[in-house]
Structures are given as structure tokens and as C-alpha cells.
Amino acid sequence: MKKNIIRLTESDLVRIVEKVISEQEMVDAEAIAKEDGINPQEVSNMCQSKTVPPIIQNLIDKIPEDIKEEAKQTIKTLAGKIKNMSLGQLMGLRKQIKQEMQTAKSQSLQEQLAPIMIAGLALSPSLLIAVGVILLLIIISVITSKSSKGGSCNPGWWDDL
């Protein structure tokens, strides 16, 4: 059997590695969305929307009135922070939010006085529970956007809440 020698330049290797990584990230983004019970296409469309998507508006409408403004401000602040995060950072933040939401739901009210730190923001457990799903949707939309198009997610509705 004759062996073929293939010569690759450094730029060839870089291009091959980037392609493999981007293909892996696309699969991961779709799996993440499906794992959280979310349609990847619906989430991806959130990045192009200039108005608050109906799924987000429905969740906002369910937030108690006494914390609604604080919740909206938290969503805007976190959305502003995550748009420049790497995929690895977004995955870690998603995992942290899911864990903290589970912990907050399982603790008694007396134990829920300590704030939870997420991406440099101090959130009360009740606020995290109220906005947690919205934050997860935003994170998944950014992950999907970055992994499928290599771009970023910066819709106008985040600032217009």
C-alpha cells in the first residue's frame, strides 16, 4: 500500500480546526435548546427581533408587579453583559443560573435572604426565580446565534423592556 504525504500550511490547519469547532458548537447549541425544551429556530429569531418576542412578553407579564421593574432592569443589565461573552462563558452562566434556580426553589423563605451572584449581579432568590427562564432564553439565543452564524445577538428589544 502506497502512503500519500499531504502537506498542509498553518492556515490550512487553522481553517480545518475552526470548521470542526464551529460544527461542534452548532450541534451543541441545538442540543442545549432542545434540552431546555426550546425550539432552536424560535430562539434564534429572538436575536433579530426589534420588538419583545411574545414568549418573553408572556413571561414578563407573569412576574409579580412588586418586582417587575427590578426584573426588567436585571434582564437589561445581564443581556448587556452576555452579548460579549464567549460560548464557554455563556455555557457556564447557563449552568449556574439553572443550579441557582433549583437551589432557590428548594430552600425555605428564611434561607432565601442571601443574594445570589450571577455575572457580577447580586440577585435575590425570588428575583432569580422570576426572571430565570427569561435569562436562560436570552443566553440560549446568544449561544445559538454565535454558534450557527458566528455572529452576535444584539436585538433592540432588550433595551426597550
Protein backbone atom coordinates (compact mmCIF):
# COMPACT_ATOMS: atom_id res chain seq x y z
CA MET A 1 0.00 0.00 0.00
CA LYS A 2 1.38 3.34 -1.05
CA LYS A 3 1.34 6.13 1.54
CA ASN A 4 0.40 9.60 0.44
CA ILE A 5 2.02 12.59 2.02
CA ILE A 6 -0.29 15.54 2.45
CA ARG A 7 1.24 18.93 3.01
CA LEU A 8 -0.74 21.47 4.97
CA THR A 9 0.08 25.04 5.67
CA GLU A 10 -0.60 26.65 9.03
CA SER A 11 -3.58 28.50 7.55
CA ASP A 12 -4.98 25.16 6.27
CA LEU A 13 -4.76 23.71 9.78
CA VAL A 14 -6.37 26.78 11.34
CA ARG A 15 -9.24 26.64 8.82
CA ILE A 16 -9.81 22.91 9.48
CA VAL A 17 -9.78 23.33 13.26
CA GLU A 18 -12.15 26.34 13.11
CA LYS A 19 -14.56 24.41 10.91
CA VAL A 20 -14.59 21.40 13.26
CA ILE A 21 -15.13 23.65 16.29
CA SER A 22 -17.97 25.62 14.64
CA GLU A 23 -19.71 22.41 13.55
CA GLN A 24 -19.44 21.04 17.09
CA GLU A 25 -20.81 24.28 18.55
CA MET A 26 -23.80 24.21 16.18
CA VAL A 27 -24.71 20.73 17.35
CA ASP A 28 -24.25 21.78 20.96
CA ALA A 29 -26.46 24.89 20.60
CA GLU A 30 -29.32 22.87 19.15
CA ALA A 31 -28.94 20.19 21.83
CA ILE A 32 -28.92 22.82 24.57
CA ALA A 33 -32.08 24.44 23.30
CA LYS A 34 -33.83 21.07 22.98
CA GLU A 35 -32.62 20.03 26.45
CA ASP A 36 -34.30 23.14 27.87
CA GLY A 37 -37.48 22.42 25.87
CA ILE A 38 -36.97 25.30 23.47
CA ASN A 39 -37.26 25.39 19.68
CA PRO A 40 -33.79 26.47 18.42
CA GLN A 41 -35.31 28.37 15.47
CA GLU A 42 -37.65 30.33 17.76
CA VAL A 43 -34.73 31.30 19.99
CA SER A 44 -32.54 32.24 17.03
CA ASN A 45 -35.27 34.60 15.80
CA MET A 46 -35.10 36.44 19.14
CA CYS A 47 -31.76 37.88 18.08
CA GLN A 48 -33.22 39.59 15.02
CA SER A 49 -36.40 40.88 16.67
CA LYS A 50 -36.71 44.61 17.30
CA THR A 51 -39.81 44.12 19.47
CA VAL A 52 -40.16 42.00 22.59
CA PRO A 53 -40.86 38.42 21.40
CA PRO A 54 -44.25 37.04 22.52
CA ILE A 55 -42.63 34.24 24.56
CA ILE A 56 -40.65 36.83 26.55
CA GLN A 57 -43.62 39.18 26.93
CA ASN A 58 -45.77 36.33 28.29
CA LEU A 59 -43.10 35.54 30.89
CA ILE A 60 -42.71 39.20 31.85
CA ASP A 61 -46.48 39.51 32.29
CA LYS A 62 -46.33 36.69 34.86
CA ILE A 63 -43.77 38.47 37.06
CA PRO A 64 -45.35 39.92 40.22
CA GLU A 65 -45.94 43.68 39.95
CA ASP A 66 -43.87 44.48 43.04
CA ILE A 67 -40.65 43.20 41.39
CA LYS A 68 -41.46 43.73 37.70
CA GLU A 69 -39.36 46.89 37.24
CA GLU A 70 -36.40 45.38 39.09
CA ALA A 71 -36.77 42.24 36.95
CA LYS A 72 -36.76 44.24 33.72
CA GLN A 73 -33.67 46.16 34.81
CA THR A 74 -31.93 42.90 35.73
CA ILE A 75 -32.76 41.42 32.33
CA LYS A 76 -31.41 44.52 30.53
CA THR A 77 -28.22 44.56 32.62
CA LEU A 78 -27.47 40.87 32.18
CA ALA A 79 -28.34 40.97 28.46
CA GLY A 80 -25.85 43.80 28.05
CA LYS A 81 -23.15 41.78 29.79
CA ILE A 82 -23.66 38.49 27.96
CA LYS A 83 -23.55 39.74 24.38
CA ASN A 84 -19.74 39.87 24.52
CA MET A 85 -19.21 36.60 26.41
CA SER A 86 -17.56 33.61 24.78
CA LEU A 87 -19.51 30.41 24.21
CA GLY A 88 -17.72 28.77 27.13
CA GLN A 89 -18.66 31.63 29.45
CA LEU A 90 -22.28 31.50 28.27
CA MET A 91 -22.43 27.75 28.89
CA GLY A 92 -21.08 28.26 32.42
CA LEU A 93 -23.54 31.08 33.11
CA ARG A 94 -26.45 28.95 31.85
CA LYS A 95 -25.38 26.13 34.16
CA GLN A 96 -25.02 28.48 37.13
CA ILE A 97 -28.47 30.02 36.61
CA LYS A 98 -30.10 26.59 36.36
CA GLN A 99 -28.35 25.42 39.55
CA GLU A 100 -29.19 28.58 41.48
CA MET A 101 -32.84 28.42 40.38
CA GLN A 102 -33.07 24.84 41.65
CA THR A 103 -31.44 25.81 44.95
CA ALA A 104 -33.67 28.88 45.39
CA LYS A 105 -36.81 26.83 44.72
CA SER A 106 -35.84 24.18 47.26
CA GLN A 107 -34.79 26.46 50.14
CA SER A 108 -37.14 27.81 52.77
CA LEU A 109 -38.08 31.51 52.76
CA GLN A 110 -35.81 32.25 55.72
CA GLU A 111 -32.79 30.93 53.86
CA GLN A 112 -33.59 32.98 50.77
CA LEU A 113 -32.39 36.29 52.15
CA ALA A 114 -28.81 35.98 50.89
CA PRO A 115 -28.26 37.44 47.41
CA ILE A 116 -27.04 35.24 44.58
CA MET A 117 -24.16 36.50 42.43
CA ILE A 118 -24.60 35.88 38.70
CA ALA A 119 -22.32 37.55 36.15
CA GLY A 120 -21.42 40.21 38.70
CA LEU A 121 -25.05 40.97 39.57
CA ALA A 122 -26.48 40.40 43.03
CA LEU A 123 -29.96 38.92 42.69
CA SER A 124 -32.41 37.93 45.37
CA PRO A 125 -33.56 34.31 45.03
CA SER A 126 -37.15 35.44 44.39
CA LEU A 127 -35.98 37.73 41.58
CA LEU A 128 -33.87 34.94 40.09
CA ILE A 129 -36.87 32.62 40.10
CA ALA A 130 -39.00 35.33 38.45
CA VAL A 131 -36.53 36.11 35.65
CA GLY A 132 -34.57 32.86 35.45
CA VAL A 133 -36.36 31.40 32.44
CA ILE A 134 -36.10 34.69 30.56
CA LEU A 135 -32.38 34.84 31.28
CA LEU A 136 -31.97 31.24 30.09
CA LEU A 137 -33.85 32.05 26.87
CA ILE A 138 -31.61 35.04 26.24
CA ILE A 139 -28.45 33.02 26.93
CA ILE A 140 -29.59 30.21 24.64
CA SER A 141 -30.45 32.73 21.91
CA VAL A 142 -26.94 34.20 22.14
CA ILE A 143 -25.37 30.72 22.14
CA THR A 144 -27.46 29.73 19.11
CA SER A 145 -26.62 32.95 17.30
CA LYS A 146 -22.89 32.70 17.94
CA SER A 147 -22.64 29.03 17.10
CA SER A 148 -24.77 29.00 13.96
CA LYS A 149 -23.71 32.25 12.33
CA GLY A 150 -20.55 33.12 14.17
CA GLY A 151 -22.16 36.49 14.85
CA SER A 152 -23.60 38.20 17.83
CA CYS A 153 -27.04 38.75 19.24
CA ASN A 154 -27.97 42.37 19.89
CA PRO A 155 -31.71 42.93 19.40
CA GLY A 156 -33.31 46.28 20.17
CA TRP A 157 -35.97 44.84 22.46
CA TRP A 158 -33.54 44.27 25.36
CA ASP A 159 -33.23 48.00 25.86
CA ASP A 160 -36.94 48.67 25.32
CA LEU A 161 -38.33 46.44 28.08
